Amino acid sequence: SIPARVMAIADVFEALTAADRPYKKPKTLSESIRIMSFMVKDQHLDAELFKLFLEAGVYNEYAETYLLDSQIDDIQISDYL
């Protein structure tokens, strides 16, 4: 379903960027988006919803609220559209 595919994108993004996990270092925005783009290519994430996630700037809104300053880096979104 569409809600399940949206939640998959949100869950993966949160897991990659989470700074509160003692077993892993949090990824930067660019690392997270790159990893997720591979997941789209492998059909683990919905391509159209991932495109919407990027175009709407959802990743950036989340980053400004929840990520560490050190995680927020430059991303060339056009590379993934």
C-alpha atoms as a PDB file:
ATOM      1  CA  SER A   1       0.000   0.000   0.000  1.00  0.00           C
ATOM      2  CA  ILE A   2       1.064   3.617  -0.419  1.00  0.00           C
ATOM      3  CA  PRO A   3       1.135   4.333   3.346  1.00  0.00           C
ATOM      4  CA  ALA A   4       3.392   1.318   3.880  1.00  0.00           C
ATOM      5  CA  ARG A   5       5.763   2.471   1.121  1.00  0.00           C
ATOM      6  CA  VAL A   6       5.872   5.985   2.611  1.00  0.00           C
ATOM      7  CA  MET A   7       6.630   4.532   6.041  1.00  0.00           C
ATOM      8  CA  ALA A   8       9.433   2.417   4.556  1.00  0.00           C
ATOM      9  CA  ILE A   9      11.148   5.555   3.229  1.00  0.00           C
ATOM     10  CA  ALA A  10      10.677   7.375   6.537  1.00  0.00           C
ATOM     11  CA  ASP A  11      11.913   4.392   8.547  1.00  0.00           C
ATOM     12  CA  VAL A  12      15.048   3.863   6.459  1.00  0.00           C
ATOM     13  CA  PHE A  13      15.901   7.573   6.501  1.00  0.00           C
ATOM     14  CA  GLU A  14      15.447   7.785  10.273  1.00  0.00           C
ATOM     15  CA  ALA A  15      17.496   4.629  10.846  1.00  0.00           C
ATOM     16  CA  LEU A  16      20.369   5.886   8.705  1.00  0.00           C
ATOM     17  CA  THR A  17      20.499   9.321  10.329  1.00  0.00           C
ATOM     18  CA  ALA A  18      19.736   8.378  13.950  1.00  0.00           C
ATOM     19  CA  ALA A  19      22.393   9.643  16.334  1.00  0.00           C
ATOM     20  CA  ASP A  20      21.068   7.781  19.380  1.00  0.00           C
ATOM     21  CA  ARG A  21      22.138   4.294  18.368  1.00  0.00           C
ATOM     22  CA  PRO A  22      25.122   3.046  20.388  1.00  0.00           C
ATOM     23  CA  TYR A  23      26.048   0.455  17.757  1.00  0.00           C
ATOM     24  CA  LYS A  24      26.551   2.808  14.796  1.00  0.00           C
ATOM     25  CA  LYS A  25      27.647   6.281  13.824  1.00  0.00           C
ATOM     26  CA  PRO A  26      24.919   8.461  12.278  1.00  0.00           C
ATOM     27  CA  LYS A  27      25.147   9.021   8.532  1.00  0.00           C
ATOM     28  CA  THR A  28      25.196  12.450   6.925  1.00  0.00           C
ATOM     29  CA  LEU A  29      22.382  13.583   4.670  1.00  0.00           C
ATOM     30  CA  SER A  30      24.396  12.912   1.524  1.00  0.00           C
ATOM     31  CA  GLU A  31      25.396   9.422   2.692  1.00  0.00           C
ATOM     32  CA  SER A  32      21.808   8.601   3.620  1.00  0.00           C
ATOM     33  CA  ILE A  33      20.349   9.802   0.322  1.00  0.00           C
ATOM     34  CA  ARG A  34      23.028   7.907  -1.625  1.00  0.00           C
ATOM     35  CA  ILE A  35      22.300   4.677   0.260  1.00  0.00           C
ATOM     36  CA  MET A  36      18.573   5.140  -0.233  1.00  0.00           C
ATOM     37  CA  SER A  37      19.089   5.719  -3.963  1.00  0.00           C
ATOM     38  CA  PHE A  38      20.756   2.297  -4.170  1.00  0.00           C
ATOM     39  CA  MET A  39      17.758   0.832  -2.337  1.00  0.00           C
ATOM     40  CA  VAL A  40      15.483   2.434  -4.961  1.00  0.00           C
ATOM     41  CA  LYS A  41      17.588   0.936  -7.772  1.00  0.00           C
ATOM     42  CA  ASP A  42      17.297  -2.466  -6.084  1.00  0.00           C
ATOM     43  CA  GLN A  43      13.514  -1.920  -5.787  1.00  0.00           C
ATOM     44  CA  HIS A  44      13.508  -1.999  -1.977  1.00  0.00           C
ATOM     45  CA  LEU A  45      12.032   1.515  -1.882  1.00  0.00           C
ATOM     46  CA  ASP A  46       9.364   3.054  -4.123  1.00  0.00           C
ATOM     47  CA  ALA A  47      11.032   5.193  -6.816  1.00  0.00           C
ATOM     48  CA  GLU A  48       8.173   7.683  -7.273  1.00  0.00           C
ATOM     49  CA  LEU A  49       7.730   8.238  -3.537  1.00  0.00           C
ATOM     50  CA  PHE A  50      11.488   8.648  -3.087  1.00  0.00           C
ATOM     51  CA  LYS A  51      11.442  11.286  -5.838  1.00  0.00           C
ATOM     52  CA  LEU A  52       8.611  13.070  -4.009  1.00  0.00           C
ATOM     53  CA  PHE A  53      10.556  12.809  -0.722  1.00  0.00           C
ATOM     54  CA  LEU A  54      13.452  14.616  -2.402  1.00  0.00           C
ATOM     55  CA  GLU A  55      11.517  17.162  -4.453  1.00  0.00           C
ATOM     56  CA  ALA A  56       9.301  18.193  -1.539  1.00  0.00           C
ATOM     57  CA  GLY A  57      12.355  18.694   0.687  1.00  0.00           C
ATOM     58  CA  VAL A  58      11.063  16.382   3.407  1.00  0.00           C
ATOM     59  CA  TYR A  59      14.612  15.179   4.112  1.00  0.00           C
ATOM     60  CA  ASN A  60      15.717  18.775   4.691  1.00  0.00           C
ATOM     61  CA  GLU A  61      12.843  19.656   7.026  1.00  0.00           C
ATOM     62  CA  TYR A  62      13.617  16.559   9.087  1.00  0.00           C
ATOM     63  CA  ALA A  63      17.324  17.384   9.128  1.00  0.00           C
ATOM     64  CA  GLU A  64      16.805  20.928  10.366  1.00  0.00           C
ATOM     65  CA  THR A  65      14.713  19.644  13.256  1.00  0.00           C
ATOM     66  CA  TYR A  66      16.357  16.386  14.297  1.00  0.00           C
ATOM     67  CA  LEU A  67      19.892  15.995  12.933  1.00  0.00           C
ATOM     68  CA  LEU A  68      23.185  17.148  14.366  1.00  0.00           C
ATOM     69  CA  ASP A  69      24.805  20.071  12.566  1.00  0.00           C
ATOM     70  CA  SER A  70      27.674  17.782  11.586  1.00  0.00           C
ATOM     71  CA  GLN A  71      25.251  15.530   9.683  1.00  0.00           C
ATOM     72  CA  ILE A  72      23.845  18.280   7.486  1.00  0.00           C
ATOM     73  CA  ASP A  73      25.954  18.557   4.358  1.00  0.00           C
ATOM     74  CA  ASP A  74      25.459  19.580   0.740  1.00  0.00           C
ATOM     75  CA  ILE A  75      23.378  17.320  -1.439  1.00  0.00           C
ATOM     76  CA  GLN A  76      22.940  17.506  -5.182  1.00  0.00           C
ATOM     77  CA  ILE A  77      19.364  16.263  -5.329  1.00  0.00           C
ATOM     78  CA  SER A  78      19.408  16.516  -9.120  1.00  0.00           C
ATOM     79  CA  ASP A  79      21.821  13.558  -9.099  1.00  0.00           C
ATOM     80  CA  TYR A  80      19.008  11.390  -7.727  1.00  0.00           C
ATOM     81  CA  LEU A  81      16.041  12.606  -9.780  1.00  0.00           C
END
